[in-house]
Protein backbone atom coordinates (compact mmCIF):
# COMPACT_ATOMS: atom_id res chain seq x y z
CA UNK A 1 -31.65 -53.35 30.03
CA UNK A 2 -32.12 -50.03 28.59
CA UNK A 3 -34.90 -48.67 26.22
CA UNK A 4 -34.49 -47.56 22.44
CA UNK A 5 -35.84 -45.00 21.04
CA UNK A 6 -35.95 -43.93 16.76
CA UNK A 7 -36.63 -40.78 15.27
CA UNK A 8 -36.09 -39.22 12.29
CA UNK A 9 -34.03 -36.10 11.81
CA UNK A 10 -34.02 -33.81 8.45
CA UNK A 11 -31.29 -37.00 6.38
CA UNK A 12 -30.73 -39.27 9.14
CA UNK A 13 -31.86 -41.70 11.40
CA UNK A 14 -31.14 -40.98 15.03
CA UNK A 15 -31.55 -43.08 18.44
CA UNK A 16 -31.43 -42.55 21.93
CA UNK A 17 -30.69 -45.21 24.48
CA UNK A 18 -31.65 -44.31 28.08
CA UNK A 19 -32.22 -46.43 31.36
CA UNK A 20 -35.75 -44.43 31.99
CA UNK A 21 -38.21 -43.78 29.92
CA UNK A 22 -38.78 -40.51 31.04
CA UNK A 23 -35.28 -39.88 30.17
CA UNK A 24 -35.99 -39.79 26.42
CA UNK A 25 -36.50 -36.42 26.34
CA UNK A 26 -33.04 -35.03 27.23
CA UNK A 27 -30.90 -37.88 25.63
CA UNK A 28 -28.59 -37.06 22.98
CA UNK A 29 -29.20 -38.73 19.86
CA UNK A 30 -26.72 -41.21 17.99
CA UNK A 31 -27.18 -41.30 14.15
CA UNK A 32 -27.43 -44.72 13.20
CA UNK A 33 -28.32 -44.37 9.17
CA UNK A 34 -27.60 -41.50 7.26
CA UNK A 35 -29.33 -40.67 3.82
CA UNK A 36 -26.11 -39.78 1.07
CA UNK A 37 -28.89 -39.63 -1.50
CA UNK A 38 -31.19 -36.95 -0.45
CA UNK A 39 -33.70 -39.37 0.23
CA UNK A 40 -36.56 -39.25 2.36
CA UNK A 41 -36.76 -41.87 5.38
CA UNK A 42 -40.17 -42.53 6.84
CA UNK A 43 -41.21 -44.73 10.11
CA UNK A 44 -38.06 -46.40 11.34
CA UNK A 45 -38.67 -49.30 13.67
CA UNK A 46 -36.37 -52.21 15.26
CA UNK A 47 -36.61 -55.56 15.54
CA UNK A 48 -35.26 -58.60 16.86
CA UNK A 49 -34.92 -61.91 15.38
CA UNK A 50 -33.96 -64.91 16.98
CA UNK A 51 -32.31 -67.85 15.28
CA UNK A 52 -35.85 -69.78 15.70
CA UNK A 53 -37.15 -67.20 13.56
CA UNK A 54 -34.98 -66.06 10.66
CA UNK A 55 -31.94 -69.04 11.16
CA UNK A 56 -28.55 -68.51 13.41
CA UNK A 57 -26.72 -66.91 10.40
CA UNK A 58 -29.62 -63.71 9.96
CA UNK A 59 -30.03 -63.22 13.94
CA UNK A 60 -29.67 -59.98 15.15
CA UNK A 61 -31.34 -56.96 15.14
CA UNK A 62 -33.08 -54.77 12.35
CA UNK A 63 -34.55 -52.01 11.68
CA UNK A 64 -37.48 -51.46 9.02
CA UNK A 65 -37.62 -48.10 7.08
CA UNK A 66 -39.32 -46.80 3.94
CA UNK A 67 -37.35 -44.41 1.93
CA UNK A 68 -37.73 -43.05 -1.65
CA UNK A 69 -35.79 -40.91 -4.31
CA UNK A 70 -36.73 -37.87 -3.64
CA UNK A 71 -40.14 -38.04 -5.03
CA UNK A 72 -43.33 -39.32 -2.29
CA UNK A 73 -44.81 -41.47 -5.15
CA UNK A 74 -41.64 -43.56 -5.22
CA UNK A 75 -41.64 -45.04 -1.36
CA UNK A 76 -40.47 -48.44 -0.88
CA UNK A 77 -39.77 -50.63 1.93
CA UNK A 78 -36.17 -51.26 3.10
CA UNK A 79 -34.45 -53.05 6.02
CA UNK A 80 -30.97 -52.31 7.59
CA UNK A 81 -29.44 -54.89 10.22
CA UNK A 82 -26.90 -53.75 13.37
CA UNK A 83 -23.66 -55.47 12.03
CA UNK A 84 -22.34 -55.17 15.81
CA UNK A 85 -24.50 -57.25 17.95
CA UNK A 86 -26.36 -55.92 20.75
CA UNK A 87 -24.60 -52.67 20.38
CA UNK A 88 -27.52 -50.75 18.62
CA UNK A 89 -25.11 -47.46 18.87
CA UNK A 90 -23.19 -49.32 16.04
CA UNK A 91 -22.66 -49.98 12.42
CA UNK A 92 -25.88 -50.55 10.42
CA UNK A 93 -25.71 -51.54 7.00
CA UNK A 94 -26.92 -54.43 4.49
CA UNK A 95 -27.90 -57.79 5.88
CA UNK A 96 -26.79 -59.51 2.87
CA UNK A 97 -23.12 -57.82 2.20
CA UNK A 98 -22.07 -56.12 5.42
CA UNK A 99 -21.83 -52.73 3.85
CA UNK A 100 -22.19 -49.98 5.92
CA UNK A 101 -25.26 -47.25 5.94
CA UNK A 102 -26.54 -49.44 2.96
CA UNK A 103 -30.48 -50.40 3.11
CA UNK A 104 -31.40 -53.20 1.20
CA UNK A 105 -35.17 -53.32 -0.43
CA UNK A 106 -37.79 -55.88 0.82
CA UNK A 107 -38.91 -58.19 -1.75
CA UNK A 108 -41.56 -60.39 -2.18
CA UNK A 109 -40.78 -63.12 -5.15
CA UNK A 110 -44.06 -64.57 -4.81
CA UNK A 111 -45.78 -61.00 -5.72
CA UNK A 112 -45.18 -59.88 -9.45
CA UNK A 113 -44.60 -56.10 -9.08
CA UNK A 114 -44.46 -55.82 -5.50
CA UNK A 115 -41.31 -53.70 -6.56
CA UNK A 116 -43.13 -51.41 -8.46
CA UNK A 117 -45.76 -50.45 -5.43
CA UNK A 118 -45.94 -47.55 -2.52
CA UNK A 119 -45.10 -49.59 0.80
CA UNK A 120 -44.67 -48.36 3.94
CA UNK A 121 -44.79 -48.48 7.35
CA UNK A 122 -43.70 -51.91 7.26
CA UNK A 123 -43.86 -54.41 10.66
CA UNK A 124 -44.07 -57.42 11.92
CA UNK A 125 -46.65 -59.69 13.94
CA UNK A 126 -46.36 -62.98 16.62
CA UNK A 127 -49.49 -65.36 16.07
CA UNK A 128 -49.78 -68.87 17.07
CA UNK A 129 -45.46 -68.74 16.80
CA UNK A 130 -45.41 -67.28 13.07
CA UNK A 131 -44.22 -64.31 12.10
CA UNK A 132 -45.83 -61.80 9.74
CA UNK A 133 -45.21 -58.85 8.05
CA UNK A 134 -47.76 -55.78 8.07
CA UNK A 135 -47.33 -52.74 5.90
CA UNK A 136 -49.30 -49.80 3.62
CA UNK A 137 -49.59 -49.79 0.42
CA UNK A 138 -52.40 -47.54 -1.58
CA UNK A 139 -55.15 -48.61 -4.23
CA UNK A 140 -56.25 -45.70 -6.79
CA UNK A 141 -60.05 -45.70 -6.80
CA UNK A 142 -60.32 -43.41 -10.15
CA UNK A 143 -61.79 -40.69 -9.92
CA UNK A 144 -58.44 -38.99 -8.55
CA UNK A 145 -59.45 -40.87 -5.27
CA UNK A 146 -57.27 -43.28 -3.63
CA UNK A 147 -57.50 -45.33 -0.34
CA UNK A 148 -54.93 -46.81 1.89
CA UNK A 149 -54.84 -50.29 2.68
CA UNK A 150 -52.81 -52.43 5.58
CA UNK A 151 -51.71 -55.32 4.19
CA UNK A 152 -50.28 -58.70 5.84
CA UNK A 153 -48.36 -61.86 5.01
CA UNK A 154 -45.72 -64.46 5.85
CA UNK A 155 -42.26 -63.07 6.96
CA UNK A 156 -39.41 -65.55 5.26
CA UNK A 157 -36.94 -63.10 7.08
CA UNK A 158 -36.42 -59.18 7.39
CA UNK A 159 -36.03 -59.06 4.21
CA UNK A 160 -38.15 -61.26 2.38
CA UNK A 161 -41.92 -61.81 2.85
CA UNK A 162 -43.63 -65.08 1.45
CA UNK A 163 -47.00 -65.44 -0.15
CA UNK A 164 -49.58 -62.92 -1.87
CA UNK A 165 -50.35 -59.91 0.72
CA UNK A 166 -54.24 -59.66 1.92
CA UNK A 167 -55.83 -56.60 3.14
CA UNK A 168 -56.75 -56.67 6.43
CA UNK A 169 -57.77 -53.19 7.06
CA UNK A 170 -59.16 -50.42 5.03
CA UNK A 171 -61.25 -46.87 5.48
CA UNK A 172 -64.73 -47.75 6.47
CA UNK A 173 -66.13 -45.11 9.14
CA UNK A 174 -66.61 -41.72 8.82
CA UNK A 175 -64.12 -40.79 11.69
CA UNK A 176 -61.37 -42.74 9.99
CA UNK A 177 -61.89 -40.77 6.58
CA UNK A 178 -62.61 -37.28 8.22
CA UNK A 179 -62.03 -34.89 5.63
CA UNK A 180 -60.09 -36.31 3.19
CA UNK A 181 -61.06 -35.76 -0.27
CA UNK A 182 -58.88 -37.58 -2.31
CA UNK A 183 -56.73 -39.85 -0.30
CA UNK A 184 -58.40 -42.57 2.41
CA UNK A 185 -55.77 -42.70 4.99
CA UNK A 186 -55.19 -46.05 7.35
CA UNK A 187 -51.81 -46.49 8.57
CA UNK A 188 -49.34 -47.18 11.01
CA UNK A 189 -50.85 -50.21 12.36
CA UNK A 190 -48.84 -52.10 15.36
CA UNK A 191 -49.32 -55.57 17.05
CA UNK A 192 -50.48 -55.05 20.79
CA UNK A 193 -50.22 -58.41 23.02
CA UNK A 194 -52.31 -58.11 26.18
CA UNK A 195 -51.19 -60.39 29.05
CA UNK A 196 -54.54 -62.59 28.55
CA UNK A 197 -52.92 -63.96 25.07
CA UNK A 198 -55.66 -61.53 23.06
CA UNK A 199 -53.78 -59.69 20.10
CA UNK A 200 -54.69 -56.11 18.94
CA UNK A 201 -53.72 -53.86 15.98
CA UNK A 202 -53.63 -50.48 16.70
CA UNK A 203 -53.33 -48.24 13.75
CA UNK A 204 -53.93 -45.02 12.66
CA UNK A 205 -56.47 -42.70 10.00
CA UNK A 206 -56.97 -39.20 8.89
CA UNK A 207 -53.61 -37.52 8.29
CA UNK A 208 -50.90 -36.76 10.29
CA UNK A 209 -50.95 -33.14 9.20
CA UNK A 210 -54.28 -32.61 10.82
CA UNK A 211 -56.08 -32.45 14.14
CA UNK A 212 -58.11 -35.28 13.50
CA UNK A 213 -55.41 -37.86 13.05
CA UNK A 214 -56.34 -40.87 15.39
CA UNK A 215 -55.88 -44.59 16.66
CA UNK A 216 -58.03 -47.15 15.46
CA UNK A 217 -58.45 -50.48 16.97
CA UNK A 218 -58.58 -54.30 15.42
CA UNK A 219 -58.69 -57.52 17.59
CA UNK A 220 -57.81 -61.00 16.02
CA UNK A 221 -60.62 -63.57 16.69
CA UNK A 222 -58.13 -66.56 15.53
CA UNK A 223 -58.26 -68.65 12.40
CA UNK A 224 -55.72 -67.56 9.71
CA UNK A 225 -54.65 -63.57 10.19
CA UNK A 226 -54.13 -62.88 6.67
CA UNK A 227 -58.27 -63.39 6.33
CA UNK A 228 -59.84 -59.66 7.08
CA UNK A 229 -62.73 -61.65 8.77
CA UNK A 230 -61.05 -63.06 11.34
CA UNK A 231 -60.10 -59.22 12.43
CA UNK A 232 -62.37 -57.09 14.62
CA UNK A 233 -62.52 -53.27 13.95
CA UNK A 234 -63.29 -51.18 16.48
CA UNK A 235 -66.60 -48.80 15.25
CA UNK A 236 -64.84 -45.87 17.36
CA UNK A 237 -61.36 -44.58 18.17
CA UNK A 238 -59.40 -45.69 21.24
CA UNK A 239 -57.29 -41.80 21.15
CA UNK A 240 -58.05 -38.82 19.57
CA UNK A 241 -57.80 -35.50 19.76
CA UNK A 242 -58.83 -33.19 22.99
CA UNK A 243 -58.29 -29.59 23.72
CA UNK A 244 -54.59 -30.64 24.90
CA UNK A 245 -53.24 -32.58 21.91
CA UNK A 246 -54.65 -33.05 18.46
CA UNK A 247 -53.36 -35.31 15.95
CA UNK A 248 -52.44 -38.09 18.02
CA UNK A 249 -51.27 -41.23 16.11
CA UNK A 250 -48.16 -43.51 14.97
CA UNK A 251 -47.91 -45.07 18.14
CA UNK A 252 -45.85 -47.94 19.85
CA UNK A 253 -45.62 -49.92 22.70
CA UNK A 254 -43.46 -51.38 25.30
CA UNK A 255 -43.40 -52.68 28.71
CA UNK A 256 -40.98 -51.03 31.81
CA UNK A 257 -38.96 -53.32 34.15
CA UNK A 258 -41.71 -52.92 37.08
CA UNK A 259 -44.29 -54.73 34.15
CA UNK A 260 -46.07 -51.28 33.42
CA UNK A 261 -47.24 -51.01 29.62
CA UNK A 262 -46.66 -47.90 27.99
CA UNK A 263 -47.84 -46.21 24.88
CA UNK A 264 -45.29 -43.99 22.97
CA UNK A 265 -47.23 -41.95 20.14
CA UNK A 266 -47.35 -38.15 18.49
CA UNK A 267 -49.33 -35.44 18.67
CA UNK A 268 -49.35 -31.59 18.43
CA UNK A 269 -50.04 -29.35 21.56
CA UNK A 270 -53.12 -27.76 20.92
CA UNK A 271 -56.33 -28.47 19.46
CA UNK A 272 -55.90 -27.06 15.92
CA UNK A 273 -52.86 -29.51 14.96
CA UNK A 274 -50.38 -26.36 14.43
CA UNK A 275 -46.21 -26.29 15.14
CA UNK A 276 -44.21 -29.21 15.48
CA UNK A 277 -44.83 -32.58 15.96
CA UNK A 278 -44.16 -33.98 19.69
CA UNK A 279 -43.72 -37.59 21.02
CA UNK A 280 -45.55 -38.12 24.27
CA UNK A 281 -45.98 -41.35 26.12
CA UNK A 282 -48.60 -42.57 29.36
CA UNK A 283 -49.43 -45.74 30.80
CA UNK A 284 -51.94 -48.20 28.99
CA UNK A 285 -53.15 -51.82 29.68
CA UNK A 286 -54.77 -54.20 26.96
CA UNK A 287 -57.18 -56.88 28.15
């Protein structure tokens, strides 16, 4: 019966709880996870996993979070569980040991070296009754150039991935690459489920600090969702800069009690991506 909004502070992850979406603007933030070692928190996302998803002992609310040891190159995916049931303003911590304020590193036992690879932007996507995991990593193209990829693979539980991940999205169009010279970016892949059963992934491209940060879109065509050929990529962005806002990306989605769907994203005020980033919400439809 409530809406919850996560955001990162300087050394913490904060959560707002409101009855109406518009009240996020004035809600008091509660700290639910705090860095004790000077690490950088990125992209917190809260998801519920049922007993059918992960077994009765593991059911509950989880938060995916990427953080590093103070060096961005060492960013890895972690997860914490709400240790107080449905009280999301309660204690969060290690889902295995119950230690408060202690994240657990996500592992992929079938992928040797997974722990050694930069990873961020983890989320889940549900297709044909199965739960998959999506995350972002980086490929070194050589010659000082790199590009990001959105990868997908099955999820055993929130801290264990199974099988080998495959790339379903990478930068290809000029509007995805922008003016970046050394790192081509695709990130923040998020599922959108349309009322007619269609499944989309909306993702961000270019850099979040630039005015050209924008949203692209994939549509699931059926078949094995880990195969790139089973996703259709739109050849143009679906949300980009205007005279009012710029650098708009990192979107997530929620449906209100009246059935209206809302997109929440961040952007800069003005056309030049200067100053602070703000959060915006507005209605959307998916067909």
